[in-house]
Amino acid sequence: MSNRKPDGAGLRWISAAPHRLFFFLASLLLLLASAWWAMVLVLRLFGTAMLGAIAPTLVHATAMLYTFL
């Protein structure tokens, strides 16, 4: 087994086609939004809430809208 990266891996592979960067960023946003929403739900389970100026449901809806569509 070799520890070499495949020839197409890395930043050059992402920038080779314009849509790849946006799919990568949307996937990253989906991952971050899912982790944040899981934290909100766990905190609600223990009877506490996150401090914030925006309601978590609005942030969740917006993040899911822009990551899935």
C-alpha atoms as a PDB file:
ATOM      1  CA  MET A   1       0.000   0.000   0.000  1.00  0.00           C
ATOM      2  CA  SER A   2       1.222   3.452  -0.845  1.00  0.00           C
ATOM      3  CA  ASN A   3       0.696   6.568   1.257  1.00  0.00           C
ATOM      4  CA  ARG A   4       0.639   8.803  -1.830  1.00  0.00           C
ATOM      5  CA  LYS A   5      -2.366  10.990  -2.477  1.00  0.00           C
ATOM      6  CA  PRO A   6      -4.250  10.221  -5.683  1.00  0.00           C
ATOM      7  CA  ASP A   7      -3.208  12.461  -8.556  1.00  0.00           C
ATOM      8  CA  GLY A   8      -6.542  14.295  -8.629  1.00  0.00           C
ATOM      9  CA  ALA A   9      -6.871  14.986  -4.890  1.00  0.00           C
ATOM     10  CA  GLY A  10      -6.468  18.383  -3.301  1.00  0.00           C
ATOM     11  CA  LEU A  11      -7.188  21.978  -4.084  1.00  0.00           C
ATOM     12  CA  ARG A  12      -6.343  21.587  -7.753  1.00  0.00           C
ATOM     13  CA  TRP A  13      -9.045  18.914  -8.099  1.00  0.00           C
ATOM     14  CA  ILE A  14     -11.676  21.131  -6.428  1.00  0.00           C
ATOM     15  CA  SER A  15     -10.809  24.122  -8.577  1.00  0.00           C
ATOM     16  CA  ALA A  16     -10.745  22.108 -11.816  1.00  0.00           C
ATOM     17  CA  ALA A  17     -14.494  22.545 -12.278  1.00  0.00           C
ATOM     18  CA  PRO A  18     -16.395  25.590 -10.962  1.00  0.00           C
ATOM     19  CA  HIS A  19     -19.271  23.623  -9.436  1.00  0.00           C
ATOM     20  CA  ARG A  20     -17.029  21.443  -7.224  1.00  0.00           C
ATOM     21  CA  LEU A  21     -16.097  24.306  -4.915  1.00  0.00           C
ATOM     22  CA  PHE A  22     -19.741  25.173  -4.334  1.00  0.00           C
ATOM     23  CA  PHE A  23     -20.718  21.559  -3.674  1.00  0.00           C
ATOM     24  CA  PHE A  24     -17.839  21.326  -1.197  1.00  0.00           C
ATOM     25  CA  LEU A  25     -18.883  24.544   0.563  1.00  0.00           C
ATOM     26  CA  ALA A  26     -22.518  23.434   0.716  1.00  0.00           C
ATOM     27  CA  SER A  27     -21.439  20.107   2.207  1.00  0.00           C
ATOM     28  CA  LEU A  28     -19.356  21.944   4.781  1.00  0.00           C
ATOM     29  CA  LEU A  29     -22.284  24.209   5.638  1.00  0.00           C
ATOM     30  CA  LEU A  30     -24.547  21.174   5.973  1.00  0.00           C
ATOM     31  CA  LEU A  31     -22.074  19.523   8.333  1.00  0.00           C
ATOM     32  CA  LEU A  32     -21.727  22.646  10.484  1.00  0.00           C
ATOM     33  CA  ALA A  33     -25.473  23.316  10.550  1.00  0.00           C
ATOM     34  CA  SER A  34     -26.196  19.711  11.504  1.00  0.00           C
ATOM     35  CA  ALA A  35     -23.656  19.827  14.336  1.00  0.00           C
ATOM     36  CA  TRP A  36     -25.099  23.126  15.569  1.00  0.00           C
ATOM     37  CA  TRP A  37     -28.674  21.795  15.444  1.00  0.00           C
ATOM     38  CA  ALA A  38     -27.645  18.652  17.320  1.00  0.00           C
ATOM     39  CA  MET A  39     -26.106  20.860  20.018  1.00  0.00           C
ATOM     40  CA  VAL A  40     -29.323  22.890  20.254  1.00  0.00           C
ATOM     41  CA  LEU A  41     -31.373  19.707  20.673  1.00  0.00           C
ATOM     42  CA  VAL A  42     -29.028  18.272  23.315  1.00  0.00           C
ATOM     43  CA  LEU A  43     -29.120  21.522  25.279  1.00  0.00           C
ATOM     44  CA  ARG A  44     -32.929  21.514  25.113  1.00  0.00           C
ATOM     45  CA  LEU A  45     -32.905  17.940  26.368  1.00  0.00           C
ATOM     46  CA  PHE A  46     -31.046  19.067  29.496  1.00  0.00           C
ATOM     47  CA  GLY A  47     -33.317  22.080  30.014  1.00  0.00           C
ATOM     48  CA  THR A  48     -30.947  24.836  28.919  1.00  0.00           C
ATOM     49  CA  ALA A  49     -30.914  26.973  25.822  1.00  0.00           C
ATOM     50  CA  MET A  50     -28.323  28.618  23.626  1.00  0.00           C
ATOM     51  CA  LEU A  51     -28.013  32.342  23.900  1.00  0.00           C
ATOM     52  CA  GLY A  52     -28.600  34.142  20.647  1.00  0.00           C
ATOM     53  CA  ALA A  53     -30.451  36.992  19.043  1.00  0.00           C
ATOM     54  CA  ILE A  54     -32.073  34.800  16.382  1.00  0.00           C
ATOM     55  CA  ALA A  55     -34.466  31.951  17.078  1.00  0.00           C
ATOM     56  CA  PRO A  56     -32.774  28.579  16.465  1.00  0.00           C
ATOM     57  CA  THR A  57     -35.659  27.374  14.308  1.00  0.00           C
ATOM     58  CA  LEU A  58     -35.148  30.268  11.865  1.00  0.00           C
ATOM     59  CA  VAL A  59     -31.415  29.586  11.637  1.00  0.00           C
ATOM     60  CA  HIS A  60     -32.075  25.882  11.143  1.00  0.00           C
ATOM     61  CA  ALA A  61     -34.633  26.517   8.403  1.00  0.00           C
ATOM     62  CA  THR A  62     -32.333  28.935   6.569  1.00  0.00           C
ATOM     63  CA  ALA A  63     -29.298  26.659   6.797  1.00  0.00           C
ATOM     64  CA  MET A  64     -31.243  23.626   5.585  1.00  0.00           C
ATOM     65  CA  LEU A  65     -32.794  25.619   2.743  1.00  0.00           C
ATOM     66  CA  TYR A  66     -29.446  26.799   1.408  1.00  0.00           C
ATOM     67  CA  THR A  67     -27.632  23.481   1.871  1.00  0.00           C
ATOM     68  CA  PHE A  68     -30.253  21.215   0.318  1.00  0.00           C
ATOM     69  CA  LEU A  69     -31.449  23.407  -2.550  1.00  0.00           C
END
